[in-house]
N, C-alpha and C. Protein backbone atom coordinates (compact mmCIF):
# COMPACT_ATOMS: atom_id res chain seq x y z
N MET A 1 8.17 -0.56 8.96
CA MET A 1 7.24 0.23 8.17
C MET A 1 6.14 -0.66 7.58
N ALA A 2 6.49 -1.86 7.13
CA ALA A 2 5.48 -2.76 6.56
C ALA A 2 4.38 -3.05 7.58
N GLY A 3 4.77 -3.26 8.84
CA GLY A 3 3.79 -3.52 9.89
C GLY A 3 2.86 -2.35 10.12
N ARG A 4 3.41 -1.17 10.06
CA ARG A 4 2.61 0.06 10.22
C ARG A 4 1.60 0.19 9.09
N LEU A 5 2.04 -0.06 7.86
CA LEU A 5 1.14 0.01 6.71
C LEU A 5 0.03 -1.03 6.85
N HIS A 6 0.43 -2.25 7.22
CA HIS A 6 -0.53 -3.35 7.38
C HIS A 6 -1.59 -2.97 8.41
N SER A 7 -1.17 -2.43 9.53
CA SER A 7 -2.09 -2.04 10.60
C SER A 7 -3.07 -0.96 10.14
N LYS A 8 -2.57 0.08 9.51
CA LYS A 8 -3.43 1.18 9.06
C LYS A 8 -4.43 0.71 8.01
N LEU A 9 -3.97 -0.10 7.06
CA LEU A 9 -4.85 -0.58 6.01
C LEU A 9 -5.89 -1.56 6.56
N SER A 10 -5.49 -2.40 7.50
CA SER A 10 -6.43 -3.34 8.12
C SER A 10 -7.54 -2.60 8.84
N GLN A 11 -7.18 -1.57 9.59
CA GLN A 11 -8.18 -0.79 10.32
C GLN A 11 -9.12 -0.04 9.39
N ALA A 12 -8.58 0.50 8.32
CA ALA A 12 -9.38 1.33 7.42
C ALA A 12 -10.30 0.52 6.50
N PHE A 13 -9.83 -0.66 6.04
CA PHE A 13 -10.55 -1.38 5.00
C PHE A 13 -11.06 -2.76 5.40
N GLU A 14 -10.67 -3.27 6.58
CA GLU A 14 -11.08 -4.61 7.03
C GLU A 14 -11.01 -5.62 5.89
N PRO A 15 -9.84 -5.80 5.30
CA PRO A 15 -9.71 -6.64 4.10
C PRO A 15 -9.88 -8.13 4.37
N ASP A 16 -10.34 -8.84 3.32
CA ASP A 16 -10.38 -10.30 3.33
C ASP A 16 -8.96 -10.84 3.13
N TYR A 17 -8.16 -10.09 2.40
CA TYR A 17 -6.77 -10.47 2.13
C TYR A 17 -5.94 -9.20 2.08
N LEU A 18 -4.76 -9.24 2.71
CA LEU A 18 -3.86 -8.10 2.67
C LEU A 18 -2.42 -8.59 2.75
N ALA A 19 -1.62 -8.15 1.80
CA ALA A 19 -0.18 -8.42 1.82
C ALA A 19 0.53 -7.09 1.58
N VAL A 20 1.48 -6.79 2.45
CA VAL A 20 2.32 -5.60 2.30
C VAL A 20 3.73 -6.10 2.12
N ILE A 21 4.29 -5.87 0.94
CA ILE A 21 5.60 -6.41 0.58
C ILE A 21 6.60 -5.28 0.42
N ASP A 22 7.69 -5.36 1.18
CA ASP A 22 8.76 -4.36 1.07
C ASP A 22 9.66 -4.77 -0.10
N GLU A 23 9.60 -4.01 -1.18
CA GLU A 23 10.39 -4.29 -2.38
C GLU A 23 11.60 -3.37 -2.48
N SER A 24 11.95 -2.72 -1.38
CA SER A 24 13.02 -1.72 -1.39
C SER A 24 14.34 -2.27 -1.90
N GLU A 25 14.71 -3.46 -1.47
CA GLU A 25 16.02 -4.01 -1.84
C GLU A 25 16.16 -4.18 -3.36
N SER A 26 15.07 -4.48 -4.04
CA SER A 26 15.15 -4.65 -5.50
C SER A 26 15.31 -3.31 -6.21
N HIS A 27 15.22 -2.20 -5.46
CA HIS A 27 15.40 -0.87 -6.03
C HIS A 27 16.70 -0.21 -5.57
N ARG A 28 17.60 -1.01 -5.03
CA ARG A 28 18.90 -0.51 -4.56
C ARG A 28 19.56 0.32 -5.66
N GLY A 29 19.97 1.53 -5.30
CA GLY A 29 20.64 2.41 -6.25
C GLY A 29 19.69 3.29 -7.06
N HIS A 30 18.39 3.02 -6.98
CA HIS A 30 17.42 3.83 -7.72
C HIS A 30 17.03 5.06 -6.90
N ALA A 31 16.35 5.97 -7.53
CA ALA A 31 15.88 7.18 -6.84
C ALA A 31 15.01 6.81 -5.65
N GLY A 32 15.21 7.49 -4.55
CA GLY A 32 14.39 7.27 -3.38
C GLY A 32 14.84 6.15 -2.48
N TRP A 33 15.74 5.30 -2.95
CA TRP A 33 16.21 4.18 -2.13
C TRP A 33 17.15 4.68 -1.05
N ARG A 34 17.07 4.04 0.12
CA ARG A 34 18.04 4.35 1.17
C ARG A 34 18.35 3.07 1.95
N GLU A 35 19.49 3.05 2.55
CA GLU A 35 19.93 1.90 3.34
C GLU A 35 18.89 1.57 4.41
N GLY A 36 18.60 0.31 4.57
CA GLY A 36 17.64 -0.12 5.58
C GLY A 36 16.24 -0.37 5.04
N GLY A 37 15.99 -0.01 3.79
CA GLY A 37 14.69 -0.29 3.18
C GLY A 37 13.58 0.63 3.65
N GLY A 38 12.36 0.16 3.47
CA GLY A 38 11.19 0.94 3.87
C GLY A 38 10.84 2.06 2.93
N THR A 39 11.28 1.96 1.67
CA THR A 39 11.04 3.04 0.72
C THR A 39 10.13 2.64 -0.44
N HIS A 40 10.12 1.37 -0.80
CA HIS A 40 9.35 0.88 -1.94
C HIS A 40 8.48 -0.30 -1.49
N PHE A 41 7.17 -0.17 -1.65
CA PHE A 41 6.25 -1.20 -1.18
C PHE A 41 5.26 -1.59 -2.26
N ARG A 42 4.78 -2.83 -2.17
CA ARG A 42 3.67 -3.33 -2.97
C ARG A 42 2.58 -3.74 -1.99
N VAL A 43 1.35 -3.30 -2.25
CA VAL A 43 0.20 -3.67 -1.43
C VAL A 43 -0.77 -4.45 -2.31
N GLU A 44 -1.11 -5.65 -1.86
CA GLU A 44 -2.13 -6.47 -2.50
C GLU A 44 -3.26 -6.58 -1.49
N MET A 45 -4.46 -6.15 -1.89
CA MET A 45 -5.56 -6.14 -0.92
C MET A 45 -6.89 -6.41 -1.61
N ARG A 46 -7.70 -7.24 -0.94
CA ARG A 46 -9.07 -7.52 -1.38
C ARG A 46 -10.00 -7.13 -0.22
N SER A 47 -10.96 -6.26 -0.49
CA SER A 47 -11.84 -5.77 0.57
C SER A 47 -13.21 -5.39 0.02
N ALA A 48 -14.24 -5.70 0.79
CA ALA A 48 -15.60 -5.29 0.42
C ALA A 48 -15.72 -3.76 0.40
N ALA A 49 -14.83 -3.08 1.10
CA ALA A 49 -14.84 -1.61 1.10
C ALA A 49 -14.62 -1.05 -0.30
N PHE A 50 -14.03 -1.85 -1.19
CA PHE A 50 -13.76 -1.40 -2.55
C PHE A 50 -14.89 -1.75 -3.53
N ASP A 51 -15.88 -2.49 -3.08
CA ASP A 51 -16.98 -2.88 -3.97
C ASP A 51 -17.63 -1.63 -4.56
N GLY A 52 -17.85 -1.63 -5.85
CA GLY A 52 -18.49 -0.51 -6.53
C GLY A 52 -17.56 0.65 -6.86
N MET A 53 -16.29 0.52 -6.48
CA MET A 53 -15.32 1.59 -6.74
C MET A 53 -14.46 1.22 -7.95
N GLY A 54 -14.12 2.21 -8.75
CA GLY A 54 -13.20 2.00 -9.85
C GLY A 54 -11.76 1.96 -9.36
N ARG A 55 -10.85 1.65 -10.25
CA ARG A 55 -9.44 1.52 -9.90
C ARG A 55 -8.86 2.80 -9.31
N VAL A 56 -9.18 3.93 -9.91
CA VAL A 56 -8.64 5.21 -9.43
C VAL A 56 -9.19 5.54 -8.05
N ALA A 57 -10.47 5.32 -7.83
CA ALA A 57 -11.08 5.59 -6.52
C ALA A 57 -10.47 4.71 -5.44
N ARG A 58 -10.20 3.45 -5.76
CA ARG A 58 -9.55 2.55 -4.79
C ARG A 58 -8.17 3.07 -4.43
N SER A 59 -7.42 3.45 -5.43
CA SER A 59 -6.06 3.97 -5.19
C SER A 59 -6.11 5.24 -4.34
N ARG A 60 -7.03 6.12 -4.65
CA ARG A 60 -7.15 7.37 -3.88
C ARG A 60 -7.50 7.09 -2.42
N ALA A 61 -8.36 6.11 -2.20
CA ALA A 61 -8.75 5.75 -0.83
C ALA A 61 -7.53 5.27 -0.03
N VAL A 62 -6.71 4.45 -0.65
CA VAL A 62 -5.49 3.95 0.01
C VAL A 62 -4.53 5.10 0.25
N HIS A 63 -4.36 5.96 -0.72
CA HIS A 63 -3.45 7.11 -0.57
C HIS A 63 -3.90 8.03 0.57
N ARG A 64 -5.21 8.20 0.74
CA ARG A 64 -5.71 9.02 1.86
C ARG A 64 -5.30 8.42 3.20
N VAL A 65 -5.44 7.11 3.33
CA VAL A 65 -5.10 6.43 4.59
C VAL A 65 -3.60 6.50 4.86
N LEU A 66 -2.79 6.42 3.81
CA LEU A 66 -1.33 6.38 3.97
C LEU A 66 -0.67 7.72 3.67
N ARG A 67 -1.42 8.80 3.72
CA ARG A 67 -0.90 10.13 3.36
C ARG A 67 0.39 10.47 4.12
N GLU A 68 0.41 10.25 5.42
CA GLU A 68 1.58 10.59 6.24
C GLU A 68 2.83 9.83 5.76
N GLU A 69 2.67 8.56 5.49
CA GLU A 69 3.80 7.75 5.04
C GLU A 69 4.25 8.13 3.63
N LEU A 70 3.30 8.45 2.77
CA LEU A 70 3.64 8.84 1.40
C LEU A 70 4.30 10.22 1.35
N ASP A 71 3.99 11.07 2.31
CA ASP A 71 4.64 12.38 2.39
C ASP A 71 6.02 12.28 3.03
N GLY A 72 6.31 11.14 3.62
CA GLY A 72 7.58 10.97 4.33
C GLY A 72 8.46 9.88 3.75
N PRO A 73 8.56 8.77 4.46
CA PRO A 73 9.58 7.77 4.13
C PRO A 73 9.32 6.95 2.87
N ILE A 74 8.07 6.82 2.43
CA ILE A 74 7.79 5.95 1.28
C ILE A 74 8.01 6.72 -0.01
N HIS A 75 8.82 6.13 -0.88
CA HIS A 75 9.12 6.73 -2.17
C HIS A 75 8.19 6.19 -3.26
N ALA A 76 7.84 4.89 -3.18
CA ALA A 76 7.03 4.27 -4.22
C ALA A 76 6.06 3.27 -3.60
N LEU A 77 4.84 3.25 -4.13
CA LEU A 77 3.80 2.35 -3.64
C LEU A 77 3.06 1.77 -4.83
N ALA A 78 3.20 0.47 -5.04
CA ALA A 78 2.48 -0.24 -6.10
C ALA A 78 1.24 -0.86 -5.47
N LEU A 79 0.10 -0.73 -6.14
CA LEU A 79 -1.17 -1.20 -5.58
C LEU A 79 -1.84 -2.22 -6.49
N ASP A 80 -2.29 -3.32 -5.88
CA ASP A 80 -3.11 -4.32 -6.55
C ASP A 80 -4.34 -4.48 -5.67
N LEU A 81 -5.42 -3.79 -6.01
CA LEU A 81 -6.60 -3.68 -5.16
C LEU A 81 -7.82 -4.25 -5.85
N SER A 82 -8.64 -4.97 -5.08
CA SER A 82 -9.88 -5.51 -5.65
C SER A 82 -10.97 -5.52 -4.60
N GLY A 83 -12.21 -5.57 -5.08
CA GLY A 83 -13.35 -5.68 -4.19
C GLY A 83 -13.52 -7.11 -3.71
N SER A 84 -14.56 -7.37 -2.96
CA SER A 84 -14.76 -8.69 -2.37
C SER A 84 -15.00 -9.77 -3.41
N ASP A 85 -15.42 -9.38 -4.61
CA ASP A 85 -15.67 -10.35 -5.67
C ASP A 85 -14.40 -10.71 -6.45
N GLY A 86 -13.27 -10.12 -6.02
CA GLY A 86 -11.98 -10.43 -6.65
C GLY A 86 -11.72 -9.56 -7.80
């Protein structure tokens, strides 16, 4: 799942930096967790596509790209997003 997220985000935002971290194991026993992981992710991304956008607009843009995954297997998505200026 992390590879799929990485691919979709790379295509949509052409980031200077992108890390997709599966944090599922640290949520073992919590709501939404299931054996095998792929339920809780952190995305750290820096992209010129976010320049001039506020925090909420950046988050909404990512959610649009990952709508299918968020409606399905992903239970939680933490976002750390910035424009090209950091």
